[in-house]
Amino acid sequence: MAAPQMPTESVTLTVEQIGELNRKLSDMRHDINSNLSVISLGAEVVKLNPAKAQEMLSKLAEQPLKITEHIKRFSSEFERTFGIRRG
């Protein structure tokens, strides 16, 4: 993977841009915590009721991809805001 291209000049953000980026960071944390809760609760269900394992498997397997998508979405916004380019 190629190293990102950093801006060549200082980047100045408005208070609104900082607030928006902070809101998106907060959203990402909330979403990831929700996905981790699904994993924890699913594991507990399987532990208490092994017959539910097959039913829970697909729900559990979805969570890492969802977490990755949350991180990608925030990373893209972060890079766009600061003028960081990939490729």
C-alpha atoms as a PDB file:
ATOM      1  CA  MET A   1       0.000   0.000   0.000  1.00  0.00           C
ATOM      2  CA  ALA A   2       1.375   3.379  -1.012  1.00  0.00           C
ATOM      3  CA  ALA A   3       2.070   5.961   1.652  1.00  0.00           C
ATOM      4  CA  PRO A   4      -0.509   8.745   1.835  1.00  0.00           C
ATOM      5  CA  GLN A   5       0.390  12.084   0.310  1.00  0.00           C
ATOM      6  CA  MET A   6       0.320  14.696   3.028  1.00  0.00           C
ATOM      7  CA  PRO A   7      -0.661  18.312   2.381  1.00  0.00           C
ATOM      8  CA  THR A   8       2.218  20.571   1.436  1.00  0.00           C
ATOM      9  CA  GLU A   9       0.846  23.568   3.364  1.00  0.00           C
ATOM     10  CA  SER A  10      -0.731  24.134   6.761  1.00  0.00           C
ATOM     11  CA  VAL A  11      -4.350  23.128   7.075  1.00  0.00           C
ATOM     12  CA  THR A  12      -6.727  25.448   8.878  1.00  0.00           C
ATOM     13  CA  LEU A  13     -10.103  24.218  10.050  1.00  0.00           C
ATOM     14  CA  THR A  14     -13.109  26.251  11.040  1.00  0.00           C
ATOM     15  CA  VAL A  15     -14.807  25.678  14.365  1.00  0.00           C
ATOM     16  CA  GLU A  16     -17.675  24.120  12.390  1.00  0.00           C
ATOM     17  CA  GLN A  17     -15.325  21.700  10.606  1.00  0.00           C
ATOM     18  CA  ILE A  18     -13.765  20.654  13.901  1.00  0.00           C
ATOM     19  CA  GLY A  19     -17.228  20.176  15.393  1.00  0.00           C
ATOM     20  CA  GLU A  20     -18.348  18.095  12.404  1.00  0.00           C
ATOM     21  CA  LEU A  21     -15.229  15.919  12.529  1.00  0.00           C
ATOM     22  CA  ASN A  22     -15.720  15.447  16.271  1.00  0.00           C
ATOM     23  CA  ARG A  23     -19.361  14.447  15.696  1.00  0.00           C
ATOM     24  CA  LYS A  24     -18.281  11.894  13.089  1.00  0.00           C
ATOM     25  CA  LEU A  25     -15.641  10.522  15.463  1.00  0.00           C
ATOM     26  CA  SER A  26     -18.291  10.228  18.176  1.00  0.00           C
ATOM     27  CA  ASP A  27     -20.642   8.470  15.724  1.00  0.00           C
ATOM     28  CA  MET A  28     -17.886   6.033  14.764  1.00  0.00           C
ATOM     29  CA  ARG A  29     -17.154   5.215  18.428  1.00  0.00           C
ATOM     30  CA  HIS A  30     -20.852   4.670  19.090  1.00  0.00           C
ATOM     31  CA  ASP A  31     -21.270   2.435  16.031  1.00  0.00           C
ATOM     32  CA  ILE A  32     -18.200   0.340  16.855  1.00  0.00           C
ATOM     33  CA  ASN A  33     -19.275  -0.025  20.484  1.00  0.00           C
ATOM     34  CA  SER A  34     -22.671  -1.224  19.234  1.00  0.00           C
ATOM     35  CA  ASN A  35     -21.013  -3.813  16.999  1.00  0.00           C
ATOM     36  CA  LEU A  36     -18.824  -4.987  19.869  1.00  0.00           C
ATOM     37  CA  SER A  37     -21.913  -5.280  22.061  1.00  0.00           C
ATOM     38  CA  VAL A  38     -23.514  -7.547  19.463  1.00  0.00           C
ATOM     39  CA  ILE A  39     -20.401  -9.738  19.551  1.00  0.00           C
ATOM     40  CA  SER A  40     -20.350  -9.861  23.370  1.00  0.00           C
ATOM     41  CA  LEU A  41     -24.055 -10.561  23.697  1.00  0.00           C
ATOM     42  CA  GLY A  42     -23.956 -13.149  20.917  1.00  0.00           C
ATOM     43  CA  ALA A  43     -21.097 -14.970  22.600  1.00  0.00           C
ATOM     44  CA  GLU A  44     -23.017 -14.930  25.886  1.00  0.00           C
ATOM     45  CA  VAL A  45     -26.147 -16.336  24.181  1.00  0.00           C
ATOM     46  CA  VAL A  46     -24.091 -19.159  22.661  1.00  0.00           C
ATOM     47  CA  LYS A  47     -22.437 -19.850  26.015  1.00  0.00           C
ATOM     48  CA  LEU A  48     -25.774 -20.075  27.797  1.00  0.00           C
ATOM     49  CA  ASN A  49     -27.607 -21.833  24.982  1.00  0.00           C
ATOM     50  CA  PRO A  50     -25.257 -23.723  22.613  1.00  0.00           C
ATOM     51  CA  ALA A  51     -28.247 -24.701  20.440  1.00  0.00           C
ATOM     52  CA  LYS A  52     -28.383 -21.041  19.315  1.00  0.00           C
ATOM     53  CA  ALA A  53     -24.808 -21.140  17.968  1.00  0.00           C
ATOM     54  CA  GLN A  54     -25.766 -21.640  14.327  1.00  0.00           C
ATOM     55  CA  GLU A  55     -28.388 -18.912  14.527  1.00  0.00           C
ATOM     56  CA  MET A  56     -25.915 -16.446  16.066  1.00  0.00           C
ATOM     57  CA  LEU A  57     -22.991 -17.293  13.794  1.00  0.00           C
ATOM     58  CA  SER A  58     -24.039 -15.116  10.850  1.00  0.00           C
ATOM     59  CA  LYS A  59     -24.832 -12.160  13.130  1.00  0.00           C
ATOM     60  CA  LEU A  60     -21.430 -12.470  14.796  1.00  0.00           C
ATOM     61  CA  ALA A  61     -19.609 -12.889  11.492  1.00  0.00           C
ATOM     62  CA  GLU A  62     -21.094  -9.616  10.156  1.00  0.00           C
ATOM     63  CA  GLN A  63     -19.690  -7.450  12.926  1.00  0.00           C
ATOM     64  CA  PRO A  64     -15.982  -7.216  11.926  1.00  0.00           C
ATOM     65  CA  LEU A  65     -16.946  -6.062   8.419  1.00  0.00           C
ATOM     66  CA  LYS A  66     -19.290  -3.450   9.885  1.00  0.00           C
ATOM     67  CA  ILE A  67     -16.517  -2.211  12.184  1.00  0.00           C
ATOM     68  CA  THR A  68     -14.117  -2.005   9.246  1.00  0.00           C
ATOM     69  CA  GLU A  69     -16.681   0.025   7.277  1.00  0.00           C
ATOM     70  CA  HIS A  70     -17.145   2.482  10.168  1.00  0.00           C
ATOM     71  CA  ILE A  71     -13.387   3.003  10.373  1.00  0.00           C
ATOM     72  CA  LYS A  72     -13.045   3.397   6.594  1.00  0.00           C
ATOM     73  CA  ARG A  73     -15.858   5.954   6.474  1.00  0.00           C
ATOM     74  CA  PHE A  74     -14.337   8.054   9.251  1.00  0.00           C
ATOM     75  CA  SER A  75     -10.814   7.706   7.832  1.00  0.00           C
ATOM     76  CA  SER A  76     -12.000   8.934   4.429  1.00  0.00           C
ATOM     77  CA  GLU A  77     -13.660  11.958   6.002  1.00  0.00           C
ATOM     78  CA  PHE A  78     -10.584  12.655   8.135  1.00  0.00           C
ATOM     79  CA  GLU A  79      -8.269  12.437   5.119  1.00  0.00           C
ATOM     80  CA  ARG A  80     -10.571  14.626   3.014  1.00  0.00           C
ATOM     81  CA  THR A  81     -10.779  17.248   5.753  1.00  0.00           C
ATOM     82  CA  PHE A  82      -7.003  17.442   6.139  1.00  0.00           C
ATOM     83  CA  GLY A  83      -6.174  17.145   2.438  1.00  0.00           C
ATOM     84  CA  ILE A  84      -4.479  13.765   2.748  1.00  0.00           C
ATOM     85  CA  ARG A  85      -4.498  11.833  -0.534  1.00  0.00           C
ATOM     86  CA  ARG A  86      -4.122   8.096  -1.107  1.00  0.00           C
ATOM     87  CA  GLY A  87      -2.557   6.521  -4.140  1.00  0.00           C
END
